[in-house]
């Protein structure tokens, strides 16, 4: 059988002293290092999470600014196109009015030329008509033909 004597008691005391010494110089520093490590990991994880949220916010802001810039550019292009269309319409109106003025002037000139031509033709037609009339109808007195 097993005998219980003083060696067992000494072994137990020796084990307890060893346990206290190991706890103070080995286990506590290791536990402290593990806690610090866990704390730094949690802190790094929290920091990474915050950075991730910040990046998401920055990305969202970037997309909003990009959309706003696109909208502003579209509005500027649209305004420029509208202004160009208005200027084109104004220029077309000026050209149309100029064309109408020239057309009216040309019609007036043609009418004036037509009147002049009619008068000159009438002046030429009357002597020709009298000559033709004189040749077709022989008259007794050529001076009478001219008087009528």
N, C-alpha and C. Protein backbone atom coordinates (compact mmCIF):
# COMPACT_ATOMS: atom_id res chain seq x y z
N UNK A 1 0.78 -1.17 0.00
CA UNK A 1 0.00 0.00 0.00
C UNK A 1 0.84 1.26 0.00
N UNK A 2 0.15 2.32 -0.12
CA UNK A 2 0.82 3.59 -0.16
C UNK A 2 0.96 4.09 1.27
N UNK A 3 2.12 4.55 1.54
CA UNK A 3 2.33 5.09 2.88
C UNK A 3 2.35 6.61 2.80
N UNK A 4 1.69 7.19 3.75
CA UNK A 4 1.64 8.64 3.82
C UNK A 4 2.62 9.09 4.88
N UNK A 5 3.68 9.63 4.46
CA UNK A 5 4.66 10.13 5.41
C UNK A 5 4.98 11.58 5.09
N UNK A 6 6.02 12.09 5.65
CA UNK A 6 6.38 13.49 5.53
C UNK A 6 6.83 13.85 4.13
N UNK A 7 7.29 12.92 3.31
CA UNK A 7 7.75 13.22 1.97
C UNK A 7 6.59 13.67 1.08
N UNK A 8 5.45 13.11 1.34
CA UNK A 8 4.30 13.51 0.53
C UNK A 8 3.94 14.95 0.88
N UNK A 9 3.99 15.25 2.14
CA UNK A 9 3.68 16.60 2.57
C UNK A 9 4.73 17.58 2.00
N UNK A 10 5.97 17.20 1.99
CA UNK A 10 7.03 18.03 1.43
C UNK A 10 6.82 18.17 -0.08
N UNK A 11 6.44 17.13 -0.74
CA UNK A 11 6.19 17.16 -2.18
C UNK A 11 5.02 18.09 -2.49
N UNK A 12 3.98 18.04 -1.66
CA UNK A 12 2.82 18.90 -1.87
C UNK A 12 3.22 20.35 -1.68
N UNK A 13 4.00 20.61 -0.60
CA UNK A 13 4.45 21.98 -0.34
C UNK A 13 5.37 22.43 -1.49
N UNK A 14 6.24 21.55 -1.91
CA UNK A 14 7.15 21.85 -3.02
C UNK A 14 6.33 22.17 -4.30
N UNK A 15 5.28 21.37 -4.55
CA UNK A 15 4.43 21.58 -5.73
C UNK A 15 3.71 22.92 -5.63
N UNK A 16 3.20 23.26 -4.45
CA UNK A 16 2.50 24.52 -4.26
C UNK A 16 3.45 25.71 -4.43
N UNK A 17 4.67 25.60 -3.89
CA UNK A 17 5.66 26.67 -4.06
C UNK A 17 6.00 26.81 -5.54
N UNK A 18 6.20 25.67 -6.22
CA UNK A 18 6.49 25.69 -7.65
C UNK A 18 5.32 26.32 -8.41
N UNK A 19 4.10 25.98 -8.01
CA UNK A 19 2.92 26.55 -8.66
C UNK A 19 2.87 28.06 -8.46
N UNK A 20 3.16 28.55 -7.25
CA UNK A 20 3.16 29.98 -6.97
C UNK A 20 4.26 30.67 -7.79
N UNK A 21 5.46 30.09 -7.81
CA UNK A 21 6.57 30.68 -8.56
C UNK A 21 6.26 30.69 -10.06
N UNK A 22 5.78 29.56 -10.58
CA UNK A 22 5.44 29.51 -12.00
C UNK A 22 4.31 30.49 -12.33
N UNK A 23 3.34 30.59 -11.43
CA UNK A 23 2.24 31.50 -11.66
C UNK A 23 2.77 32.94 -11.72
N UNK A 24 3.65 33.31 -10.78
CA UNK A 24 4.13 34.67 -10.71
C UNK A 24 5.07 34.99 -11.88
N UNK A 25 5.96 34.10 -12.24
CA UNK A 25 6.98 34.42 -13.24
C UNK A 25 6.69 33.87 -14.63
N UNK A 26 5.77 32.95 -14.77
CA UNK A 26 5.52 32.35 -16.08
C UNK A 26 4.08 32.59 -16.56
N UNK A 27 3.12 32.11 -15.76
CA UNK A 27 1.72 32.16 -16.22
C UNK A 27 1.19 33.60 -16.27
N UNK A 28 1.43 34.42 -15.25
CA UNK A 28 0.92 35.79 -15.23
C UNK A 28 1.49 36.61 -16.38
N UNK A 29 2.81 36.57 -16.67
CA UNK A 29 3.30 37.34 -17.83
C UNK A 29 2.70 36.85 -19.15
N UNK A 30 2.53 35.55 -19.28
CA UNK A 30 1.94 35.02 -20.52
C UNK A 30 0.48 35.46 -20.63
N UNK A 31 -0.26 35.40 -19.54
CA UNK A 31 -1.65 35.83 -19.54
C UNK A 31 -1.72 37.33 -19.84
N UNK A 32 -0.78 38.10 -19.24
CA UNK A 32 -0.74 39.54 -19.49
C UNK A 32 -0.46 39.82 -20.97
N UNK A 33 0.49 39.11 -21.55
CA UNK A 33 0.81 39.28 -22.97
C UNK A 33 -0.38 38.91 -23.84
N UNK A 34 -1.07 37.82 -23.49
CA UNK A 34 -2.25 37.40 -24.26
C UNK A 34 -3.37 38.45 -24.17
N UNK A 35 -3.57 39.01 -22.97
CA UNK A 35 -4.60 40.04 -22.81
C UNK A 35 -4.23 41.29 -23.63
N UNK A 36 -2.96 41.70 -23.56
CA UNK A 36 -2.52 42.86 -24.34
C UNK A 36 -2.70 42.59 -25.84
N UNK A 37 -2.34 41.37 -26.19
CA UNK A 37 -2.47 40.99 -27.61
C UNK A 37 -3.93 41.01 -28.04
N UNK A 38 -4.78 40.43 -27.20
CA UNK A 38 -6.22 40.43 -27.51
C UNK A 38 -6.75 41.86 -27.56
N UNK A 39 -6.30 42.70 -26.63
CA UNK A 39 -6.73 44.10 -26.62
C UNK A 39 -6.27 44.82 -27.88
N UNK A 40 -5.00 44.60 -28.28
CA UNK A 40 -4.51 45.25 -29.50
C UNK A 40 -5.24 44.73 -30.74
N UNK A 41 -5.58 43.44 -30.74
CA UNK A 41 -6.34 42.87 -31.88
C UNK A 41 -7.73 43.50 -31.94
N UNK A 42 -8.38 43.61 -30.79
CA UNK A 42 -9.72 44.23 -30.76
C UNK A 42 -9.64 45.70 -31.17
N UNK A 43 -8.58 46.38 -30.70
CA UNK A 43 -8.41 47.78 -31.07
C UNK A 43 -8.16 47.92 -32.57
N UNK A 44 -7.31 47.05 -33.11
CA UNK A 44 -7.03 47.08 -34.55
C UNK A 44 -8.30 46.74 -35.34
N UNK A 45 -9.06 45.79 -34.83
CA UNK A 45 -10.32 45.43 -35.51
C UNK A 45 -11.29 46.61 -35.49
N UNK A 46 -11.39 47.27 -34.33
CA UNK A 46 -12.25 48.45 -34.23
C UNK A 46 -11.78 49.57 -35.15
N UNK A 47 -10.46 49.78 -35.20
CA UNK A 47 -9.90 50.79 -36.07
C UNK A 47 -10.16 50.44 -37.54
N UNK A 48 -9.98 49.17 -37.89
CA UNK A 48 -10.24 48.73 -39.26
C UNK A 48 -11.71 48.91 -39.61
N UNK A 49 -12.58 48.61 -38.66
CA UNK A 49 -14.02 48.78 -38.89
C UNK A 49 -14.34 50.26 -39.10
N UNK A 50 -13.72 51.13 -38.28
CA UNK A 50 -13.94 52.57 -38.44
C UNK A 50 -13.41 53.05 -39.78
N UNK A 51 -12.23 52.58 -40.17
CA UNK A 51 -11.67 52.94 -41.48
C UNK A 51 -12.58 52.45 -42.61
N UNK A 52 -13.12 51.23 -42.43
CA UNK A 52 -14.03 50.68 -43.43
C UNK A 52 -15.27 51.57 -43.56
N UNK A 53 -15.83 51.99 -42.45
CA UNK A 53 -17.00 52.88 -42.49
C UNK A 53 -16.62 54.22 -43.12
N UNK A 54 -15.43 54.71 -42.79
CA UNK A 54 -14.98 55.98 -43.36
C UNK A 54 -14.82 55.86 -44.88
N UNK A 55 -14.26 54.73 -45.32
CA UNK A 55 -14.10 54.50 -46.76
C UNK A 55 -15.46 54.41 -47.44
N UNK A 56 -16.40 53.73 -46.81
CA UNK A 56 -17.75 53.65 -47.37
C UNK A 56 -18.38 55.04 -47.48
N UNK A 57 -18.18 55.86 -46.44
CA UNK A 57 -18.73 57.21 -46.45
C UNK A 57 -18.06 58.05 -47.54
N UNK A 58 -16.73 57.93 -47.65
CA UNK A 58 -16.01 58.67 -48.68
C UNK A 58 -16.46 58.24 -50.07
N UNK A 59 -16.66 56.94 -50.26
CA UNK A 59 -17.12 56.43 -51.55
C UNK A 59 -18.51 56.98 -51.86
N UNK A 60 -19.36 56.98 -50.85
CA UNK A 60 -20.70 57.52 -51.04
C UNK A 60 -20.64 59.00 -51.39
N UNK A 61 -19.81 59.76 -50.67
CA UNK A 61 -19.65 61.19 -50.97
C UNK A 61 -19.10 61.39 -52.37
N UNK A 62 -18.13 60.56 -52.73
CA UNK A 62 -17.52 60.65 -54.07
C UNK A 62 -18.58 60.42 -55.15
N UNK A 63 -19.40 59.39 -54.97
CA UNK A 63 -20.44 59.12 -55.97
C UNK A 63 -21.47 60.25 -56.02
N UNK A 64 -21.80 60.81 -54.87
CA UNK A 64 -22.73 61.94 -54.86
C UNK A 64 -22.13 63.14 -55.58
N UNK A 65 -20.86 63.42 -55.32
CA UNK A 65 -20.21 64.54 -55.99
C UNK A 65 -20.10 64.27 -57.49
N UNK A 66 -19.81 63.03 -57.85
CA UNK A 66 -19.71 62.67 -59.26
C UNK A 66 -21.07 62.83 -59.94
N UNK A 67 -22.11 62.37 -59.28
CA UNK A 67 -23.46 62.54 -59.84
C UNK A 67 -23.81 64.02 -59.97
N UNK A 68 -23.45 64.81 -58.95
CA UNK A 68 -23.73 66.24 -58.99
C UNK A 68 -22.95 66.90 -60.12
N UNK A 69 -21.69 66.50 -60.29
CA UNK A 69 -20.87 67.06 -61.37
C UNK A 69 -21.46 66.70 -62.73
N UNK A 70 -21.93 65.47 -62.86
CA UNK A 70 -22.56 65.05 -64.12
C UNK A 70 -23.82 65.88 -64.37
N UNK A 71 -24.61 66.07 -63.32
CA UNK A 71 -25.84 66.86 -63.46
C UNK A 71 -25.51 68.30 -63.84
N UNK A 72 -24.50 68.87 -63.18
CA UNK A 72 -24.09 70.24 -63.51
C UNK A 72 -23.60 70.33 -64.95
N UNK A 73 -22.80 69.36 -65.36
CA UNK A 73 -22.29 69.36 -66.74
C UNK A 73 -23.45 69.24 -67.72
N UNK A 74 -24.41 68.37 -67.42
CA UNK A 74 -25.57 68.21 -68.30
C UNK A 74 -26.34 69.52 -68.39
N UNK A 75 -26.52 70.18 -67.25
CA UNK A 75 -27.25 71.45 -67.25
C UNK A 75 -26.50 72.52 -68.03
N UNK A 76 -25.18 72.54 -67.87
CA UNK A 76 -24.38 73.52 -68.61
C UNK A 76 -24.46 73.26 -70.11
N UNK A 77 -24.35 72.00 -70.50
CA UNK A 77 -24.43 71.66 -71.92
C UNK A 77 -25.81 72.00 -72.45
N UNK A 78 -26.83 71.68 -71.67
CA UNK A 78 -28.20 71.99 -72.09
C UNK A 78 -28.40 73.50 -72.21
N UNK A 79 -27.89 74.25 -71.24
CA UNK A 79 -28.02 75.71 -71.30
C UNK A 79 -27.26 76.26 -72.51
N UNK A 80 -26.07 75.72 -72.76
CA UNK A 80 -25.29 76.18 -73.92
C UNK A 80 -26.03 75.86 -75.22
N UNK A 81 -26.61 74.68 -75.29
CA UNK A 81 -27.35 74.30 -76.49
C UNK A 81 -28.58 75.20 -76.67
N UNK A 82 -29.27 75.48 -75.57
CA UNK A 82 -30.43 76.37 -75.66
C UNK A 82 -30.01 77.76 -76.12
N UNK A 83 -28.92 78.26 -75.55
CA UNK A 83 -28.42 79.58 -75.95
C UNK A 83 -28.02 79.57 -77.41
N UNK A 84 -27.33 78.51 -77.84
CA UNK A 84 -26.92 78.42 -79.25
C UNK A 84 -28.15 78.36 -80.16
N UNK A 85 -29.17 77.62 -79.74
CA UNK A 85 -30.41 77.55 -80.53
C UNK A 85 -31.08 78.92 -80.61
N UNK A 86 -31.08 79.65 -79.49
CA UNK A 86 -31.68 80.98 -79.50
C UNK A 86 -30.91 81.92 -80.42
N UNK A 87 -29.58 81.84 -80.33
CA UNK A 87 -28.77 82.68 -81.21
C UNK A 87 -28.99 82.31 -82.67
N UNK A 88 -29.09 81.01 -82.94
CA UNK A 88 -29.34 80.55 -84.31
C UNK A 88 -30.69 81.05 -84.80
N UNK A 89 -31.70 80.96 -83.93
CA UNK A 89 -33.03 81.44 -84.31
C UNK A 89 -33.01 82.94 -84.56
N UNK A 90 -32.27 83.68 -83.72
CA UNK A 90 -32.18 85.13 -83.91
C UNK A 90 -31.48 85.44 -85.23
N UNK A 91 -30.40 84.73 -85.52
CA UNK A 91 -29.68 84.94 -86.78
C UNK A 91 -30.56 84.56 -87.97
N UNK A 92 -31.31 83.46 -87.82
CA UNK A 92 -32.22 83.06 -88.90
C UNK A 92 -33.30 84.13 -89.12
N UNK A 93 -33.79 84.71 -88.03
CA UNK A 93 -34.81 85.76 -88.16
C UNK A 93 -34.23 86.97 -88.88
N UNK A 94 -32.98 87.31 -88.53
CA UNK A 94 -32.33 88.44 -89.20
C UNK A 94 -32.16 88.13 -90.69
N UNK A 95 -31.70 86.91 -90.98
CA UNK A 95 -31.50 86.53 -92.38
C UNK A 95 -32.83 86.52 -93.13
N UNK A 96 -33.88 85.98 -92.49
CA UNK A 96 -35.19 85.95 -93.15
C UNK A 96 -35.69 87.38 -93.41
N UNK A 97 -35.52 88.25 -92.42
CA UNK A 97 -35.99 89.62 -92.64
C UNK A 97 -35.17 90.30 -93.74
N UNK A 98 -33.87 90.01 -93.79
CA UNK A 98 -33.03 90.57 -94.84
C UNK A 98 -33.45 90.03 -96.21
N UNK A 99 -33.73 88.73 -96.25
CA UNK A 99 -34.18 88.12 -97.51
C UNK A 99 -35.51 88.73 -97.93
N UNK A 100 -36.43 88.89 -96.96
CA UNK A 100 -37.73 89.49 -97.29
C UNK A 100 -37.55 90.93 -97.80
N UNK A 101 -36.66 91.67 -97.17
CA UNK A 101 -36.42 93.05 -97.60
C UNK A 101 -35.84 93.06 -99.02
N UNK A 102 -34.88 92.18 -99.27
CA UNK A 102 -34.28 92.12 -100.61
C UNK A 102 -35.32 91.67 -101.64
N UNK A 103 -36.16 90.72 -101.24
CA UNK A 103 -37.20 90.23 -102.15
C UNK A 103 -38.18 91.34 -102.47
N UNK A 104 -38.58 92.08 -101.46
CA UNK A 104 -39.50 93.21 -101.68
C UNK A 104 -38.85 94.25 -102.59
N UNK A 105 -37.58 94.54 -102.31
CA UNK A 105 -36.86 95.51 -103.14
C UNK A 105 -36.75 95.02 -104.58
N UNK A 106 -36.46 93.72 -104.74
CA UNK A 106 -36.34 93.17 -106.09
C UNK A 106 -37.69 93.23 -106.81
N UNK A 107 -38.78 92.94 -106.08
CA UNK A 107 -40.11 93.02 -106.70
C UNK A 107 -40.41 94.45 -107.13
N UNK A 108 -40.05 95.41 -106.27
CA UNK A 108 -40.28 96.80 -106.62
C UNK A 108 -39.45 97.20 -107.84
N UNK A 109 -38.20 96.73 -107.88
CA UNK A 109 -37.35 97.04 -109.03
C UNK A 109 -37.92 96.41 -110.30
N UNK A 110 -38.38 95.16 -110.18
CA UNK A 110 -38.97 94.49 -111.34
C UNK A 110 -40.23 95.20 -111.80
N UNK A 111 -41.03 95.64 -110.84
CA UNK A 111 -42.25 96.36 -111.21
C UNK A 111 -41.90 97.68 -111.91
N UNK A 112 -40.87 98.37 -111.38
CA UNK A 112 -40.45 99.63 -112.01
C UNK A 112 -39.91 99.36 -113.41
N UNK A 113 -39.08 98.30 -113.54
CA UNK A 113 -38.54 97.96 -114.85
C UNK A 113 -39.66 97.54 -115.81
N UNK A 114 -40.65 96.82 -115.26
CA UNK A 114 -41.77 96.41 -116.10
C UNK A 114 -42.52 97.63 -116.61
N UNK A 115 -42.74 98.62 -115.72
CA UNK A 115 -43.43 99.85 -116.14
C UNK A 115 -42.63 100.59 -117.21
N UNK A 116 -41.30 100.67 -116.99
CA UNK A 116 -40.47 101.35 -117.98
C UNK A 116 -40.51 100.62 -119.32
N UNK A 117 -40.42 99.30 -119.26
CA UNK A 117 -40.45 98.51 -120.50
C UNK A 117 -41.79 98.65 -121.21
N UNK A 118 -42.86 98.68 -120.44
CA UNK A 118 -44.18 98.86 -121.07
C UNK A 118 -44.26 100.21 -121.77
N UNK A 119 -43.76 101.22 -121.10
CA UNK A 119 -43.80 102.55 -121.72
C UNK A 119 -42.93 102.60 -122.98
N UNK A 120 -41.73 102.01 -122.90
CA UNK A 120 -40.87 102.04 -124.08
C UNK A 120 -41.46 101.19 -125.20
N UNK A 121 -42.08 100.05 -124.81
CA UNK A 121 -42.71 99.21 -125.84
C UNK A 121 -43.91 99.92 -126.45
N UNK A 122 -44.67 100.59 -125.62
CA UNK A 122 -45.82 101.31 -126.16
C UNK A 122 -45.35 102.41 -127.12
N UNK A 123 -44.25 103.04 -126.75
CA UNK A 123 -43.72 104.08 -127.63
C UNK A 123 -43.25 103.47 -128.95
N UNK A 124 -42.73 102.27 -128.91
CA UNK A 124 -42.27 101.63 -130.15
C UNK A 124 -43.41 100.95 -130.89
N UNK A 125 -44.41 100.49 -130.16
CA UNK A 125 -45.50 99.75 -130.79
C UNK A 125 -46.39 100.69 -131.61
N UNK A 126 -46.64 101.86 -131.12
CA UNK A 126 -47.54 102.77 -131.84
C UNK A 126 -47.02 103.10 -133.25
N UNK A 127 -45.78 103.46 -133.41
CA UNK A 127 -45.34 103.72 -134.79
C UNK A 127 -45.38 102.46 -135.65
N UNK A 128 -45.05 101.29 -135.04
CA UNK A 128 -45.12 100.04 -135.80
C UNK A 128 -46.56 99.73 -136.19
N UNK A 129 -47.46 99.94 -135.24
CA UNK A 129 -48.86 99.66 -135.53
C UNK A 129 -49.38 100.58 -136.64
N UNK A 130 -48.97 101.81 -136.62
CA UNK A 130 -49.39 102.74 -137.66
C UNK A 130 -48.80 102.34 -139.01
N UNK A 131 -47.55 101.86 -138.97
CA UNK A 131 -46.94 101.41 -140.23
C UNK A 131 -47.68 100.19 -140.77
N UNK A 132 -47.98 99.26 -139.86
CA UNK A 132 -48.69 98.06 -140.31
C UNK A 132 -50.08 98.44 -140.81
N UNK A 133 -50.72 99.28 -140.09
CA UNK A 133 -52.04 99.73 -140.47
C UNK A 133 -52.00 100.43 -141.83
N UNK A 134 -50.98 101.23 -142.02
CA UNK A 134 -50.84 101.95 -143.28
C UNK A 134 -50.58 100.99 -144.43
N UNK A 135 -49.85 99.93 -144.17
CA UNK A 135 -49.58 98.97 -145.24
C UNK A 135 -50.79 98.10 -145.53
N UNK A 136 -51.55 97.81 -144.48
CA UNK A 136 -52.72 96.96 -144.70
C UNK A 136 -53.86 97.72 -145.36
N UNK A 137 -54.05 98.92 -144.92
CA UNK A 137 -55.12 99.72 -145.50
C UNK A 137 -54.44 100.88 -146.21
N UNK A 138 -54.51 100.84 -147.51
CA UNK A 138 -53.91 101.95 -148.23
C UNK A 138 -54.80 103.17 -148.07
N UNK A 139 -54.25 104.19 -147.74
CA UNK A 139 -54.98 105.43 -147.52
C UNK A 139 -54.75 106.37 -148.68
N UNK A 140 -55.72 107.24 -148.88
CA UNK A 140 -55.58 108.18 -149.95
C UNK A 140 -54.57 109.24 -149.59
N UNK A 141 -54.63 109.59 -148.37
CA UNK A 141 -53.71 110.63 -147.96
C UNK A 141 -52.92 110.10 -146.75
N UNK A 142 -51.63 110.00 -146.95
CA UNK A 142 -50.86 109.48 -145.83
C UNK A 142 -50.84 110.42 -144.64
N UNK A 143 -51.11 111.66 -144.83
CA UNK A 143 -51.12 112.59 -143.71
C UNK A 143 -52.39 112.38 -142.87
N UNK A 144 -53.47 111.89 -143.44
CA UNK A 144 -54.70 111.64 -142.70
C UNK A 144 -54.54 110.44 -141.79
N UNK A 145 -53.80 109.48 -142.24
CA UNK A 145 -53.59 108.27 -141.44
C UNK A 145 -52.86 108.63 -140.15
N UNK A 146 -51.88 109.51 -140.25
CA UNK A 146 -51.10 109.92 -139.10
C UNK A 146 -51.93 110.77 -138.17
N UNK A 147 -52.99 111.46 -138.67
CA UNK A 147 -53.77 112.35 -137.84
C UNK A 147 -54.77 111.56 -137.01
N UNK A 148 -55.20 110.42 -137.44
CA UNK A 148 -56.21 109.70 -136.69
C UNK A 148 -55.65 108.95 -135.60
